[in-house]
Structure formats: structure tokens, C-alpha cells
Amino acid sequence: MGRKPSNRPTSFDIAYRAGVSQPTVSRALRGSKSVSAATRARIEEIARELNYSVDKNASSLRTQRSNTIALLFFEEQTPDDSKINPFFLSMLGSITRQCAHRGLDLLISFQKMEDDWHVRYQDSHRADGLILLGYGDYTLYESRLEQLVGQGTHFVRWGSVDDDNIGATVGSDNLGAGKLAGEHLLGLGRKKIAFLGQADEHYPEFADRYRGLCMALEAAGIAPDPALKRNVISHEELGGEAMASIIASGAPFDAVFAASDLIAIGAMKALAAAGLCVPEDVAVMGFDDLPAASMTNPPLTTVMQDLRSAGELLVDTLVAQIEDSPPPPRQIGTRLIPRKSTAG
């Protein structure tokens, strides 16, 4: 710490000004959680004052890291040709910002599950780790995750957070969110609540949302009705078909909790086609708070997942793996967004 500033700013100059060691400066500028928030903020401020920028090439030579992470989208069934769930597209901004904050480059790619995508990234040293978004049927995905773990690949995925997760998983409190949705509808006097979403081992996030709904119903002394449940993936057209199936069955219902906004939007169209009014005849709510949710007629009540926290947590969890440091919490909270589809 006795080194005086030189004409060309270095990390040692920042250390001198901040009164810390050079390794502390390096960790702080990488966004390491091992440095306190106050110290990190002071170091970042001094770096800005000195117009200091990290030499990524030199850093890579010292650490044998590329200082790059890869974000891999996997194709899913969607109403358009994008093959990417719009919820994951909404998460992209926060992931990009957090990478920039940590001084990391981000590779973005679209993959098919059957491809050997991992070989092109960490195995070839193009990236230090992988963020995986979108996978469809989890049971078809498990073997790939086990393969990544076996190879020592650094990766994190968005999904259902459980004690027996394969590798690092970040996700929302789906069980609590499902209970919150059920309590909202019950509080409006709705007692015959249909659920649309594939709630089984193939789609564990949907299963947790359904279990939460059942918890709310049972706490109110209401037994969940199997006749009001339909397995359907997150797809608008298929959501409409599932809703039409319940309508055609003649089973009475006064509310619908859809496991995603896309399913809910399809359900609202099916209800309108059957001459049922939302929310007067049937209250409808979804999950995700996609931009489209506020533009339906009536606007859709939904459960919001904190996309900013989600993106930050995915990046921070992956960096913790790469740096062999303690991981951050894996689960984020959710919030009810009430709109007119359940009012009245």
C-alpha cells in the first residue's frame, strides 16, 4: 500500500487511494461478494475517477479464464416462430446489465436440446460457464444436467428450486406464489377454481404452483376438484383448448388460475367464445406478468416474478461457481399484480 500513483492508472493506484490491498481491488472490480458493499463502492468510485478499465486480456492470462459467459436459450413451443418463451426474453435485459456490472462479456445463442452445445462453449474455453434458459419437459433434460455435473461444467439454470436439484438452480417461490393466487381468488368469493398447467414431474414449476393452490383451497376447507384441472404447457392456443375442454365438460367453475400468462390469455379467448364474461362469470389470473398481460381485455391479474433480481441472481450464482465462492440465495419472491380480470 506504499506505492504512489503512476501516470497510467493501475489496480495498485486504486489500492493506494482506497487503502486496501491490490487483490482486494481485483476482487471488487470483478464484483466478488467477498468484498463488502461499502468497500466495493469506494473502489469503483476511485476507478471511475482515475478512468481505470480492466485489462481483460491480461486478466484472462493470469486466471486462465475467458471472462465470458454463455447464455443458451433452448427452443420451446411458442405461438410464433421465435421458439423462445417470452418470459425468458424479458429476463435478458437484467442478465446483460449484471454481466456488464461484473465486467463480463456475454455470448447469446439459441440451441436445440439434442445438440452437443456444451462442447462449443466451456469445453472449448469460449466461455467460463453457462446460463441455461428454457428446456420444456424436465424429464428429457435431466440426463444433460447430469452430464454437465459429471464433466465439472460451471452452469446455472432457471427452474424449480429443490433440495435434489441437479447442479445450480435459481427460481421463484412457486409454491408460495400458487398459494397467494389461491388466496386472492378465494378472497373474492370464488370457490370453484380451475387450474390450467402441466402440474407433474415433467414441469415441476407448474406442479409447485398447483400444489400452492391446493394448499390455499384445503386451508379454506375446499377439496381440489380433479375435474377442474387440465395439463397444458405454456402455449396460448393450447391454453384455449384446455379451457374449452373444461367448459365442454359441464363442470361448474367460477375462477381460473393458469400456470402462465400465455395459458391465461388463451383461456380468456375460449371463455369469450363460449359467451362467458371475465370477471363477472369467471375470474382469471395468470403467472409471469408478461407485457401482454396488461393489454388483454380485461387486463390480466397475474403473479409477477422479479426479473431484475432473477437475472442478477443467475449471473451471481454462476460467478460464485467459477470463483469457488459461497453461492447467493437461490430463490426469489413473487408479487401479486391485481387487474380487472379478477375484479368485480
Protein backbone atom coordinates (compact mmCIF):
# COMPACT_ATOMS: atom_id res chain seq x y z
CA MET A 1 0.00 0.00 0.00
CA GLY A 2 3.09 2.26 -0.06
CA ARG A 3 3.08 2.56 -3.85
CA LYS A 4 2.35 6.05 -5.16
CA PRO A 5 0.10 6.65 -8.14
CA SER A 6 1.72 6.46 -11.58
CA ASN A 7 0.79 8.42 -14.72
CA ARG A 8 -1.09 5.44 -16.13
CA PRO A 9 -3.64 4.21 -13.57
CA THR A 10 -3.32 0.63 -12.38
CA SER A 11 -5.08 -1.50 -9.80
CA PHE A 12 -2.19 -0.69 -7.44
CA ASP A 13 -3.03 3.01 -7.75
CA ILE A 14 -6.62 2.28 -6.81
CA ALA A 15 -5.41 0.21 -3.85
CA TYR A 16 -3.20 3.11 -2.70
CA ARG A 17 -6.10 5.58 -2.86
CA ALA A 18 -8.57 3.19 -1.22
CA GLY A 19 -6.21 2.00 1.50
CA VAL A 20 -6.67 -1.67 0.61
CA SER A 21 -4.59 -4.43 -0.98
CA GLN A 22 -4.33 -4.91 -4.76
CA PRO A 23 -6.04 -8.36 -4.60
CA THR A 24 -8.98 -6.67 -2.84
CA VAL A 25 -9.22 -4.21 -5.73
CA SER A 26 -9.20 -7.07 -8.25
CA ARG A 27 -11.94 -8.92 -6.39
CA ALA A 28 -14.03 -5.77 -6.00
CA LEU A 29 -13.84 -4.91 -9.71
CA ARG A 30 -14.92 -8.47 -10.55
CA GLY A 31 -17.99 -7.95 -8.35
CA SER A 32 -16.90 -10.56 -5.79
CA LYS A 33 -19.21 -10.82 -2.77
CA SER A 34 -16.14 -11.43 -0.59
CA VAL A 35 -15.61 -7.64 -0.62
CA SER A 36 -18.06 -5.58 1.43
CA ALA A 37 -20.54 -3.42 -0.45
CA ALA A 38 -19.08 -0.23 1.05
CA THR A 39 -15.51 -1.13 0.08
CA ARG A 40 -16.58 -2.23 -3.38
CA ALA A 41 -18.44 1.06 -3.93
CA ARG A 42 -15.40 3.09 -2.80
CA ILE A 43 -13.08 1.15 -5.12
CA GLU A 44 -15.47 1.52 -8.07
CA GLU A 45 -15.72 5.28 -7.46
CA ILE A 46 -11.93 5.66 -7.40
CA ALA A 47 -11.65 3.56 -10.58
CA ARG A 48 -14.07 5.92 -12.32
CA GLU A 49 -12.16 8.98 -11.10
CA LEU A 50 -8.91 7.54 -12.49
CA ASN A 51 -10.59 6.42 -15.76
CA TYR A 52 -9.34 2.93 -14.98
CA SER A 53 -10.60 -0.03 -17.04
CA VAL A 54 -9.89 -3.71 -16.50
CA ASP A 55 -7.41 -5.25 -18.95
CA LYS A 56 -9.44 -8.34 -19.81
CA ASN A 57 -6.67 -9.95 -21.85
CA ALA A 58 -4.15 -9.69 -19.04
CA SER A 59 -6.70 -10.88 -16.52
CA SER A 60 -7.51 -13.89 -18.69
CA LEU A 61 -3.84 -14.85 -18.98
CA ARG A 62 -3.43 -14.77 -15.21
CA THR A 63 -6.59 -16.68 -14.39
CA GLN A 64 -6.95 -18.90 -17.48
CA ARG A 65 -10.45 -17.51 -17.82
CA SER A 66 -12.19 -16.04 -20.84
CA ASN A 67 -14.17 -13.54 -18.71
CA THR A 68 -17.11 -14.57 -20.88
CA ILE A 69 -20.26 -16.48 -20.00
CA ALA A 70 -22.69 -18.03 -22.45
CA LEU A 71 -26.46 -17.64 -22.25
CA LEU A 72 -28.15 -20.53 -24.06
CA PHE A 73 -31.83 -20.41 -24.98
CA PHE A 74 -33.45 -23.75 -25.81
CA GLU A 75 -36.33 -23.96 -28.22
CA GLU A 76 -39.86 -24.38 -26.90
CA GLN A 77 -43.30 -24.48 -28.44
CA THR A 78 -44.43 -20.87 -28.92
CA PRO A 79 -47.31 -19.18 -30.78
CA ASP A 80 -44.82 -17.56 -33.17
CA ASP A 81 -41.64 -18.68 -34.90
CA SER A 82 -39.32 -17.45 -32.16
CA LYS A 83 -39.35 -20.80 -30.30
CA ILE A 84 -38.34 -18.85 -27.17
CA ASN A 85 -40.65 -18.37 -24.20
CA PRO A 86 -41.29 -14.59 -23.94
CA PHE A 87 -40.72 -14.78 -20.18
CA PHE A 88 -37.06 -15.66 -20.78
CA LEU A 89 -36.69 -12.90 -23.34
CA SER A 90 -37.91 -10.48 -20.68
CA MET A 91 -35.10 -11.69 -18.39
CA LEU A 92 -32.41 -10.92 -20.96
CA GLY A 93 -32.00 -7.25 -20.03
CA SER A 94 -31.19 -7.88 -16.37
CA ILE A 95 -28.71 -10.64 -17.26
CA THR A 96 -26.94 -8.34 -19.71
CA ARG A 97 -26.76 -5.49 -17.18
CA GLN A 98 -25.36 -7.72 -14.45
CA CYS A 99 -22.70 -9.09 -16.79
CA ALA A 100 -21.69 -5.54 -17.66
CA HIS A 101 -21.58 -4.63 -13.97
CA ARG A 102 -19.21 -7.53 -13.33
CA GLY A 103 -17.04 -6.74 -16.36
CA LEU A 104 -18.06 -9.92 -18.19
CA ASP A 105 -18.78 -10.46 -21.86
CA LEU A 106 -21.96 -12.34 -22.74
CA LEU A 107 -22.44 -14.78 -25.59
CA ILE A 108 -26.08 -15.44 -26.51
CA SER A 109 -27.06 -18.47 -28.54
CA PHE A 110 -30.13 -20.47 -29.49
CA GLN A 111 -29.74 -24.24 -29.12
CA LYS A 112 -31.59 -27.46 -29.75
CA MET A 113 -31.56 -29.88 -26.85
CA GLU A 114 -30.21 -32.72 -28.99
CA ASP A 115 -27.10 -30.74 -29.99
CA ASP A 116 -23.76 -31.06 -28.15
CA TRP A 117 -23.96 -27.38 -27.21
CA HIS A 118 -21.78 -27.67 -24.11
CA VAL A 119 -18.78 -28.70 -26.25
CA ARG A 120 -18.88 -25.39 -28.14
CA TYR A 121 -18.70 -23.27 -25.01
CA GLN A 122 -17.00 -24.16 -21.73
CA ASP A 123 -15.31 -27.31 -23.09
CA SER A 124 -13.73 -25.26 -25.88
CA HIS A 125 -12.91 -22.39 -23.45
CA ARG A 126 -15.15 -19.94 -25.31
CA ALA A 127 -16.97 -19.34 -22.02
CA ASP A 128 -16.24 -19.87 -18.33
CA GLY A 129 -19.77 -21.08 -17.64
CA LEU A 130 -23.31 -21.43 -18.96
CA ILE A 131 -26.70 -19.93 -18.11
CA LEU A 132 -29.46 -22.22 -19.35
CA LEU A 133 -32.94 -20.82 -20.05
CA GLY A 134 -35.90 -22.78 -21.38
CA TYR A 135 -35.99 -26.54 -21.58
CA GLY A 136 -39.57 -27.78 -21.84
CA ASP A 137 -40.02 -31.28 -20.43
CA TYR A 138 -37.67 -31.52 -17.44
CA THR A 139 -37.51 -35.33 -17.57
CA LEU A 140 -35.89 -35.09 -21.02
CA TYR A 141 -33.44 -32.50 -19.70
CA GLU A 142 -32.21 -34.32 -16.58
CA SER A 143 -29.65 -36.53 -18.34
CA ARG A 144 -27.97 -33.48 -19.90
CA LEU A 145 -27.71 -31.79 -16.50
CA GLU A 146 -26.17 -34.93 -15.01
CA GLN A 147 -23.68 -34.97 -17.89
CA LEU A 148 -22.71 -31.35 -17.19
CA VAL A 149 -22.22 -32.09 -13.48
CA GLY A 150 -20.11 -35.14 -14.31
CA GLN A 151 -17.87 -33.08 -16.58
CA GLY A 152 -17.41 -30.35 -13.98
CA THR A 153 -19.06 -27.74 -16.20
CA HIS A 154 -19.97 -24.49 -14.49
CA PHE A 155 -23.66 -23.85 -15.16
CA VAL A 156 -26.82 -22.44 -13.64
CA ARG A 157 -30.37 -22.77 -14.89
CA TRP A 158 -33.73 -21.18 -14.20
CA GLY A 159 -36.27 -23.64 -12.81
CA SER A 160 -37.92 -25.19 -9.78
CA VAL A 161 -35.69 -24.89 -6.70
CA ASP A 162 -35.50 -28.16 -4.76
CA ASP A 163 -33.04 -29.83 -2.41
CA ASP A 164 -32.40 -32.55 -5.00
CA ASN A 165 -31.70 -30.19 -7.94
CA ILE A 166 -29.07 -31.37 -10.40
CA GLY A 167 -26.49 -28.60 -10.43
CA ALA A 168 -27.20 -24.97 -9.54
CA THR A 169 -30.80 -23.81 -9.98
CA VAL A 170 -32.29 -20.36 -9.45
CA GLY A 171 -36.04 -19.81 -9.42
CA SER A 172 -39.10 -18.25 -7.84
CA ASP A 173 -41.07 -19.37 -4.82
CA ASN A 174 -43.64 -21.16 -6.97
CA LEU A 175 -45.30 -22.93 -4.05
CA GLY A 176 -45.84 -19.67 -2.18
CA ALA A 177 -46.99 -17.97 -5.38
CA GLY A 178 -49.60 -20.65 -6.04
CA LYS A 179 -50.90 -20.28 -2.50
CA LEU A 180 -51.01 -16.49 -2.96
CA ALA A 181 -53.04 -16.90 -6.16
CA GLY A 182 -55.49 -19.24 -4.47
CA GLU A 183 -55.94 -16.91 -1.50
CA HIS A 184 -56.58 -13.98 -3.85
CA LEU A 185 -59.35 -15.81 -5.70
CA LEU A 186 -60.87 -17.23 -2.51
CA GLY A 187 -60.86 -13.74 -1.03
CA LEU A 188 -63.05 -12.63 -3.93
CA GLY A 189 -65.58 -15.32 -3.06
CA ARG A 190 -64.53 -17.72 -5.83
CA LYS A 191 -64.61 -21.33 -4.64
CA LYS A 192 -64.58 -23.49 -7.76
CA ILE A 193 -61.14 -22.73 -9.14
CA ALA A 194 -59.85 -24.41 -12.29
CA PHE A 195 -56.12 -24.89 -12.86
CA LEU A 196 -54.50 -24.93 -16.30
CA GLY A 197 -50.90 -26.14 -16.45
CA GLN A 198 -48.96 -29.40 -16.66
CA ALA A 199 -48.53 -30.00 -12.93
CA ASP A 200 -46.33 -33.09 -12.82
CA GLU A 201 -42.68 -34.20 -12.86
CA HIS A 202 -42.33 -33.03 -16.46
CA TYR A 203 -42.96 -29.38 -15.48
CA PRO A 204 -42.02 -29.03 -11.77
CA GLU A 205 -42.56 -25.25 -11.64
CA PHE A 206 -46.18 -25.71 -12.71
CA ALA A 207 -46.51 -28.58 -10.22
CA ASP A 208 -45.40 -26.31 -7.38
CA ARG A 209 -47.89 -23.62 -8.44
CA TYR A 210 -50.71 -26.17 -8.41
CA ARG A 211 -49.64 -27.53 -5.01
CA GLY A 212 -49.73 -23.98 -3.64
CA LEU A 213 -53.26 -23.51 -5.00
CA CYS A 214 -54.34 -26.79 -3.39
CA MET A 215 -52.87 -25.65 -0.07
CA ALA A 216 -54.98 -22.48 -0.20
CA LEU A 217 -58.12 -24.43 -1.10
CA GLU A 218 -57.61 -27.01 1.64
CA ALA A 219 -56.94 -24.29 4.23
CA ALA A 220 -60.36 -22.88 3.29
CA GLY A 221 -61.97 -26.31 3.71
CA ILE A 222 -62.35 -26.89 -0.05
CA ALA A 223 -61.16 -30.08 -1.70
CA PRO A 224 -59.39 -29.53 -5.07
CA ASP A 225 -61.58 -30.87 -7.88
CA PRO A 226 -59.67 -33.07 -10.38
CA ALA A 227 -62.37 -32.29 -12.97
CA LEU A 228 -61.16 -28.68 -12.98
CA LYS A 229 -57.51 -29.46 -13.76
CA ARG A 230 -56.00 -29.72 -17.22
CA ASN A 231 -52.38 -30.49 -18.10
CA VAL A 232 -51.16 -27.99 -20.68
CA ILE A 233 -47.77 -26.45 -21.49
CA SER A 234 -47.17 -22.69 -21.76
CA HIS A 235 -48.82 -22.01 -25.11
CA GLU A 236 -51.69 -19.64 -25.86
CA GLU A 237 -53.58 -21.87 -28.31
CA LEU A 238 -53.22 -24.94 -26.11
CA GLY A 239 -54.41 -22.90 -23.12
CA GLY A 240 -57.54 -22.07 -25.07
CA GLU A 241 -58.10 -25.72 -25.92
CA ALA A 242 -57.70 -26.74 -22.27
CA MET A 243 -60.21 -24.09 -21.18
CA ALA A 244 -62.66 -25.18 -23.87
CA SER A 245 -62.34 -28.75 -22.61
CA ILE A 246 -63.43 -27.77 -19.09
CA ILE A 247 -66.29 -25.67 -20.46
CA ALA A 248 -67.48 -28.59 -22.60
CA SER A 249 -67.33 -30.97 -19.62
CA GLY A 250 -70.08 -29.03 -17.87
CA ALA A 251 -68.14 -28.97 -14.58
CA PRO A 252 -69.08 -25.75 -12.74
CA PHE A 253 -66.27 -23.24 -12.08
CA ASP A 254 -66.07 -19.56 -11.23
CA ALA A 255 -62.33 -18.89 -11.48
CA VAL A 256 -59.23 -19.98 -13.41
CA PHE A 257 -55.63 -19.94 -12.25
CA ALA A 258 -53.36 -20.50 -15.25
CA ALA A 259 -49.73 -21.52 -14.68
CA SER A 260 -48.54 -18.90 -17.18
CA ASP A 261 -49.84 -15.72 -18.79
CA LEU A 262 -49.78 -17.35 -22.21
CA ILE A 263 -52.13 -20.10 -20.98
CA ALA A 264 -54.35 -17.49 -19.29
CA ILE A 265 -54.63 -15.39 -22.45
CA GLY A 266 -55.73 -18.46 -24.41
CA ALA A 267 -58.22 -19.31 -21.67
CA MET A 268 -59.76 -15.82 -21.80
CA LYS A 269 -60.30 -16.16 -25.55
CA ALA A 270 -62.02 -19.53 -25.04
CA LEU A 271 -64.26 -18.08 -22.33
CA ALA A 272 -65.25 -15.19 -24.61
CA ALA A 273 -66.01 -17.62 -27.44
CA ALA A 274 -68.30 -19.53 -25.08
CA GLY A 275 -70.16 -16.36 -24.13
CA LEU A 276 -68.72 -16.17 -20.61
CA CYS A 277 -67.70 -12.77 -19.23
CA VAL A 278 -64.45 -12.08 -17.38
CA PRO A 279 -64.54 -11.40 -14.47
CA GLU A 280 -68.34 -11.37 -13.95
CA ASP A 281 -68.81 -15.06 -14.76
CA VAL A 282 -65.25 -16.30 -14.36
CA ALA A 283 -62.26 -14.62 -12.71
CA VAL A 284 -58.97 -15.35 -14.49
CA MET A 285 -55.38 -14.94 -13.37
CA GLY A 286 -52.05 -15.93 -14.86
CA PHE A 287 -48.38 -16.06 -13.92
CA ASP A 288 -45.24 -14.17 -15.13
CA ASP A 289 -46.58 -10.62 -15.76
CA LEU A 290 -45.57 -10.58 -19.40
CA PRO A 291 -46.06 -7.22 -21.17
CA ALA A 292 -49.08 -8.73 -22.95
CA ALA A 293 -50.82 -9.33 -19.61
CA SER A 294 -51.66 -5.65 -19.16
CA MET A 295 -53.01 -5.37 -22.72
CA THR A 296 -55.66 -8.09 -22.63
CA ASN A 297 -59.35 -7.21 -22.38
CA PRO A 298 -59.85 -7.01 -19.47
CA PRO A 299 -56.24 -6.63 -18.25
CA LEU A 300 -54.97 -9.85 -16.68
CA THR A 301 -54.33 -10.32 -12.98
CA THR A 302 -51.06 -12.18 -12.64
CA VAL A 303 -48.17 -13.13 -10.38
CA MET A 304 -45.00 -11.19 -11.10
CA GLN A 305 -41.56 -12.74 -10.88
CA ASP A 306 -38.81 -10.23 -10.14
CA LEU A 307 -36.94 -10.32 -13.45
CA ARG A 308 -34.23 -7.91 -12.34
CA SER A 309 -33.37 -10.00 -9.29
CA ALA A 310 -33.65 -13.16 -11.37
CA GLY A 311 -31.08 -12.02 -13.93
CA GLU A 312 -28.69 -10.75 -11.25
CA LEU A 313 -29.01 -13.96 -9.26
CA LEU A 314 -28.34 -16.16 -12.28
CA VAL A 315 -25.14 -14.27 -13.09
CA ASP A 316 -24.00 -14.06 -9.46
CA THR A 317 -24.62 -17.78 -8.88
CA LEU A 318 -22.58 -18.71 -11.95
CA VAL A 319 -19.73 -16.37 -10.98
CA ALA A 320 -19.71 -17.89 -7.47
CA GLN A 321 -19.19 -21.32 -9.05
CA ILE A 322 -16.42 -20.09 -11.31
CA GLU A 323 -14.64 -18.34 -8.43
CA ASP A 324 -15.34 -21.16 -5.96
CA SER A 325 -17.00 -18.75 -3.54
CA PRO A 326 -20.20 -19.17 -1.46
CA PRO A 327 -23.33 -19.01 -3.65
CA PRO A 328 -26.06 -16.40 -3.10
CA PRO A 329 -29.64 -17.40 -2.14
CA ARG A 330 -31.28 -19.47 -4.88
CA GLN A 331 -34.89 -18.32 -4.67
CA ILE A 332 -36.63 -15.02 -5.33
CA GLY A 333 -40.03 -13.87 -4.14
CA THR A 334 -43.13 -13.12 -6.19
CA ARG A 335 -45.79 -10.41 -6.08
CA LEU A 336 -49.49 -10.38 -7.00
CA ILE A 337 -50.41 -7.84 -9.69
CA PRO A 338 -54.22 -7.36 -9.41
CA ARG A 339 -56.02 -6.20 -12.53
CA LYS A 340 -59.58 -6.23 -13.85
CA SER A 341 -59.70 -9.91 -14.87
CA THR A 342 -60.38 -10.78 -11.21
CA ALA A 343 -62.09 -7.55 -10.07
CA GLY A 344 -65.80 -7.04 -9.73
